[in-house]
PDB file of N, CA and C in Angstrom:
ATOM      1  N   UNK A   1       9.621  16.797  -6.783  1.00  0.00           N
ATOM      2  CA  UNK A   1       9.836  15.983  -5.588  1.00  0.00           C
ATOM      3  C   UNK A   1       9.402  16.730  -4.335  1.00  0.00           C
ATOM      4  N   UNK A   2       9.456  18.052  -4.366  1.00  0.00           N
ATOM      5  CA  UNK A   2       9.077  18.825  -3.183  1.00  0.00           C
ATOM      6  C   UNK A   2       7.599  18.657  -2.869  1.00  0.00           C
ATOM      7  N   UNK A   3       6.767  18.500  -3.911  1.00  0.00           N
ATOM      8  CA  UNK A   3       5.337  18.343  -3.676  1.00  0.00           C
ATOM      9  C   UNK A   3       5.030  17.002  -3.018  1.00  0.00           C
ATOM     10  N   UNK A   4       5.923  16.021  -3.209  1.00  0.00           N
ATOM     11  CA  UNK A   4       5.689  14.703  -2.621  1.00  0.00           C
ATOM     12  C   UNK A   4       5.857  14.724  -1.106  1.00  0.00           C
ATOM     13  N   UNK A   5       6.550  15.735  -0.591  1.00  0.00           N
ATOM     14  CA  UNK A   5       6.751  15.817   0.858  1.00  0.00           C
ATOM     15  C   UNK A   5       5.437  16.080   1.579  1.00  0.00           C
ATOM     16  N   UNK A   6       4.454  16.652   0.864  1.00  0.00           N
ATOM     17  CA  UNK A   6       3.156  16.935   1.472  1.00  0.00           C
ATOM     18  C   UNK A   6       2.295  15.679   1.566  1.00  0.00           C
ATOM     19  N   UNK A   7       2.660  14.656   0.793  1.00  0.00           N
ATOM     20  CA  UNK A   7       1.878  13.421   0.759  1.00  0.00           C
ATOM     21  C   UNK A   7       2.637  12.347   1.520  1.00  0.00           C
ATOM     22  N   UNK A   8       2.119  11.941   2.679  1.00  0.00           N
ATOM     23  CA  UNK A   8       2.837  10.966   3.510  1.00  0.00           C
ATOM     24  C   UNK A   8       3.051   9.633   2.796  1.00  0.00           C
ATOM     25  N   UNK A   9       2.021   9.032   2.156  1.00  0.00           N
ATOM     26  CA  UNK A   9       2.258   7.764   1.452  1.00  0.00           C
ATOM     27  C   UNK A   9       3.288   7.913   0.339  1.00  0.00           C
ATOM     28  N   UNK A  10       3.312   9.082  -0.313  1.00  0.00           N
ATOM     29  CA  UNK A  10       4.276   9.298  -1.393  1.00  0.00           C
ATOM     30  C   UNK A  10       5.684   9.312  -0.838  1.00  0.00           C
ATOM     31  N   UNK A  11       5.888  10.016   0.272  1.00  0.00           N
ATOM     32  CA  UNK A  11       7.224  10.063   0.868  1.00  0.00           C
ATOM     33  C   UNK A  11       7.594   8.693   1.409  1.00  0.00           C
ATOM     34  N   UNK A  12       6.609   7.959   1.915  1.00  0.00           N
ATOM     35  CA  UNK A  12       6.879   6.616   2.438  1.00  0.00           C
ATOM     36  C   UNK A  12       7.338   5.710   1.307  1.00  0.00           C
ATOM     37  N   UNK A  13       6.638   5.769   0.172  1.00  0.00           N
ATOM     38  CA  UNK A  13       7.014   4.955  -0.988  1.00  0.00           C
ATOM     39  C   UNK A  13       8.391   5.375  -1.482  1.00  0.00           C
ATOM     40  N   UNK A  14       8.636   6.688  -1.528  1.00  0.00           N
ATOM     41  CA  UNK A  14       9.915   7.189  -2.037  1.00  0.00           C
ATOM     42  C   UNK A  14      11.066   6.726  -1.144  1.00  0.00           C
ATOM     43  N   UNK A  15      10.846   6.754   0.165  1.00  0.00           N
ATOM     44  CA  UNK A  15      11.919   6.373   1.083  1.00  0.00           C
ATOM     45  C   UNK A  15      12.086   4.855   1.127  1.00  0.00           C
ATOM     46  N   UNK A  16      10.997   4.123   1.109  1.00  0.00           N
ATOM     47  CA  UNK A  16      11.069   2.666   1.226  1.00  0.00           C
ATOM     48  C   UNK A  16      11.447   2.011  -0.103  1.00  0.00           C
ATOM     49  N   UNK A  17      11.136   2.691  -1.203  1.00  0.00           N
ATOM     50  CA  UNK A  17      11.406   2.096  -2.511  1.00  0.00           C
ATOM     51  C   UNK A  17      12.902   1.925  -2.735  1.00  0.00           C
ATOM     52  N   UNK A  18      13.721   2.745  -2.080  1.00  0.00           N
ATOM     53  CA  UNK A  18      15.172   2.637  -2.221  1.00  0.00           C
ATOM     54  C   UNK A  18      15.643   1.291  -1.668  1.00  0.00           C
ATOM     55  N   UNK A  19      14.959   0.801  -0.659  1.00  0.00           N
ATOM     56  CA  UNK A  19      15.336  -0.485  -0.063  1.00  0.00           C
ATOM     57  C   UNK A  19      14.690  -1.654  -0.808  1.00  0.00           C
ATOM     58  N   UNK A  20      13.680  -1.358  -1.634  1.00  0.00           N
ATOM     59  CA  UNK A  20      13.001  -2.405  -2.375  1.00  0.00           C
ATOM     60  C   UNK A  20      12.131  -3.271  -1.483  1.00  0.00           C
ATOM     61  N   UNK A  21      11.704  -2.716  -0.344  1.00  0.00           N
ATOM     62  CA  UNK A  21      10.910  -3.491   0.613  1.00  0.00           C
ATOM     63  C   UNK A  21       9.433  -3.167   0.464  1.00  0.00           C
ATOM     64  N   UNK A  22       9.135  -1.915   0.108  1.00  0.00           N
ATOM     65  CA  UNK A  22       7.754  -1.449   0.183  1.00  0.00           C
ATOM     66  C   UNK A  22       6.862  -2.101  -0.870  1.00  0.00           C
ATOM     67  N   UNK A  23       7.433  -2.536  -1.989  1.00  0.00           N
ATOM     68  CA  UNK A  23       6.622  -3.122  -3.046  1.00  0.00           C
ATOM     69  C   UNK A  23       5.900  -4.373  -2.557  1.00  0.00           C
ATOM     70  N   UNK A  24       6.624  -5.252  -1.868  1.00  0.00           N
ATOM     71  CA  UNK A  24       6.015  -6.480  -1.373  1.00  0.00           C
ATOM     72  C   UNK A  24       4.975  -6.158  -0.305  1.00  0.00           C
ATOM     73  N   UNK A  25       5.230  -5.119   0.505  1.00  0.00           N
ATOM     74  CA  UNK A  25       4.274  -4.759   1.542  1.00  0.00           C
ATOM     75  C   UNK A  25       2.989  -4.227   0.922  1.00  0.00           C
ATOM     76  N   UNK A  26       3.122  -3.470  -0.167  1.00  0.00           N
ATOM     77  CA  UNK A  26       1.925  -2.941  -0.841  1.00  0.00           C
ATOM     78  C   UNK A  26       1.117  -4.094  -1.428  1.00  0.00           C
ATOM     79  N   UNK A  27       1.812  -5.060  -2.046  1.00  0.00           N
ATOM     80  CA  UNK A  27       1.122  -6.204  -2.633  1.00  0.00           C
ATOM     81  C   UNK A  27       0.411  -7.000  -1.548  1.00  0.00           C
ATOM     82  N   UNK A  28       1.073  -7.165  -0.403  1.00  0.00           N
ATOM     83  CA  UNK A  28       0.491  -7.930   0.687  1.00  0.00           C
ATOM     84  C   UNK A  28      -0.752  -7.230   1.230  1.00  0.00           C
ATOM     85  N   UNK A  29      -0.645  -5.932   1.493  1.00  0.00           N
ATOM     86  CA  UNK A  29      -1.765  -5.205   2.076  1.00  0.00           C
ATOM     87  C   UNK A  29      -2.933  -5.136   1.096  1.00  0.00           C
ATOM     88  N   UNK A  30      -2.642  -4.933  -0.195  1.00  0.00           N
ATOM     89  CA  UNK A  30      -3.718  -4.832  -1.175  1.00  0.00           C
ATOM     90  C   UNK A  30      -4.414  -6.178  -1.338  1.00  0.00           C
ATOM     91  N   UNK A  31      -3.658  -7.271  -1.293  1.00  0.00           N
ATOM     92  CA  UNK A  31      -4.274  -8.584  -1.422  1.00  0.00           C
ATOM     93  C   UNK A  31      -5.133  -8.889  -0.199  1.00  0.00           C
ATOM     94  N   UNK A  32      -4.663  -8.468   0.981  1.00  0.00           N
ATOM     95  CA  UNK A  32      -5.450  -8.682   2.192  1.00  0.00           C
ATOM     96  C   UNK A  32      -6.747  -7.883   2.126  1.00  0.00           C
ATOM     97  N   UNK A  33      -6.678  -6.657   1.593  1.00  0.00           N
ATOM     98  CA  UNK A  33      -7.875  -5.826   1.467  1.00  0.00           C
ATOM     99  C   UNK A  33      -8.860  -6.476   0.503  1.00  0.00           C
ATOM    100  N   UNK A  34      -8.344  -7.010  -0.614  1.00  0.00           N
ATOM    101  CA  UNK A  34      -9.214  -7.672  -1.591  1.00  0.00           C
ATOM    102  C   UNK A  34      -9.884  -8.887  -0.966  1.00  0.00           C
ATOM    103  N   UNK A  35      -9.128  -9.642  -0.164  1.00  0.00           N
ATOM    104  CA  UNK A  35      -9.689 -10.826   0.490  1.00  0.00           C
ATOM    105  C   UNK A  35     -10.774 -10.408   1.479  1.00  0.00           C
ATOM    106  N   UNK A  36     -10.512  -9.332   2.239  1.00  0.00           N
ATOM    107  CA  UNK A  36     -11.503  -8.857   3.203  1.00  0.00           C
ATOM    108  C   UNK A  36     -12.773  -8.408   2.486  1.00  0.00           C
ATOM    109  N   UNK A  37     -12.612  -7.710   1.355  1.00  0.00           N
ATOM    110  CA  UNK A  37     -13.784  -7.261   0.589  1.00  0.00           C
ATOM    111  C   UNK A  37     -14.547  -8.463   0.054  1.00  0.00           C
ATOM    112  N   UNK A  38     -13.820  -9.486  -0.405  1.00  0.00           N
ATOM    113  CA  UNK A  38     -14.452 -10.682  -0.951  1.00  0.00           C
ATOM    114  C   UNK A  38     -15.248 -11.406   0.129  1.00  0.00           C
ATOM    115  N   UNK A  39     -14.654 -11.572   1.322  1.00  0.00           N
ATOM    116  CA  UNK A  39     -15.345 -12.231   2.425  1.00  0.00           C
ATOM    117  C   UNK A  39     -16.548 -11.409   2.861  1.00  0.00           C
ATOM    118  N   UNK A  40     -16.381 -10.084   2.908  1.00  0.00           N
ATOM    119  CA  UNK A  40     -17.495  -9.211   3.290  1.00  0.00           C
ATOM    120  C   UNK A  40     -18.632  -9.337   2.280  1.00  0.00           C
ATOM    121  N   UNK A  41     -18.284  -9.457   0.997  1.00  0.00           N
ATOM    122  CA  UNK A  41     -19.309  -9.605  -0.034  1.00  0.00           C
ATOM    123  C   UNK A  41     -20.029 -10.936   0.099  1.00  0.00           C
ATOM    124  N   UNK A  42     -19.322 -11.995   0.505  1.00  0.00           N
ATOM    125  CA  UNK A  42     -19.958 -13.293   0.684  1.00  0.00           C
ATOM    126  C   UNK A  42     -20.924 -13.258   1.872  1.00  0.00           C
ATOM    127  N   UNK A  43     -20.546 -12.535   2.926  1.00  0.00           N
ATOM    128  CA  UNK A  43     -21.397 -12.465   4.112  1.00  0.00           C
ATOM    129  C   UNK A  43     -22.715 -11.775   3.796  1.00  0.00           C
ATOM    130  N   UNK A  44     -22.683 -10.846   2.859  1.00  0.00           N
ATOM    131  CA  UNK A  44     -23.916 -10.153   2.502  1.00  0.00           C
ATOM    132  C   UNK A  44     -24.709 -11.037   1.558  1.00  0.00           C
TER     133      UNK A  44
END
């Protein structure tokens, strides 16, 4: 666990996972990224 302190996203997930909030945020952000990539691919 001490090595995770060096990784900001890891500590963020570790701290937010206790509340059970971060999972939905990760799904939301990843889906938005996929949509942006898809739209960018269509534009090309």
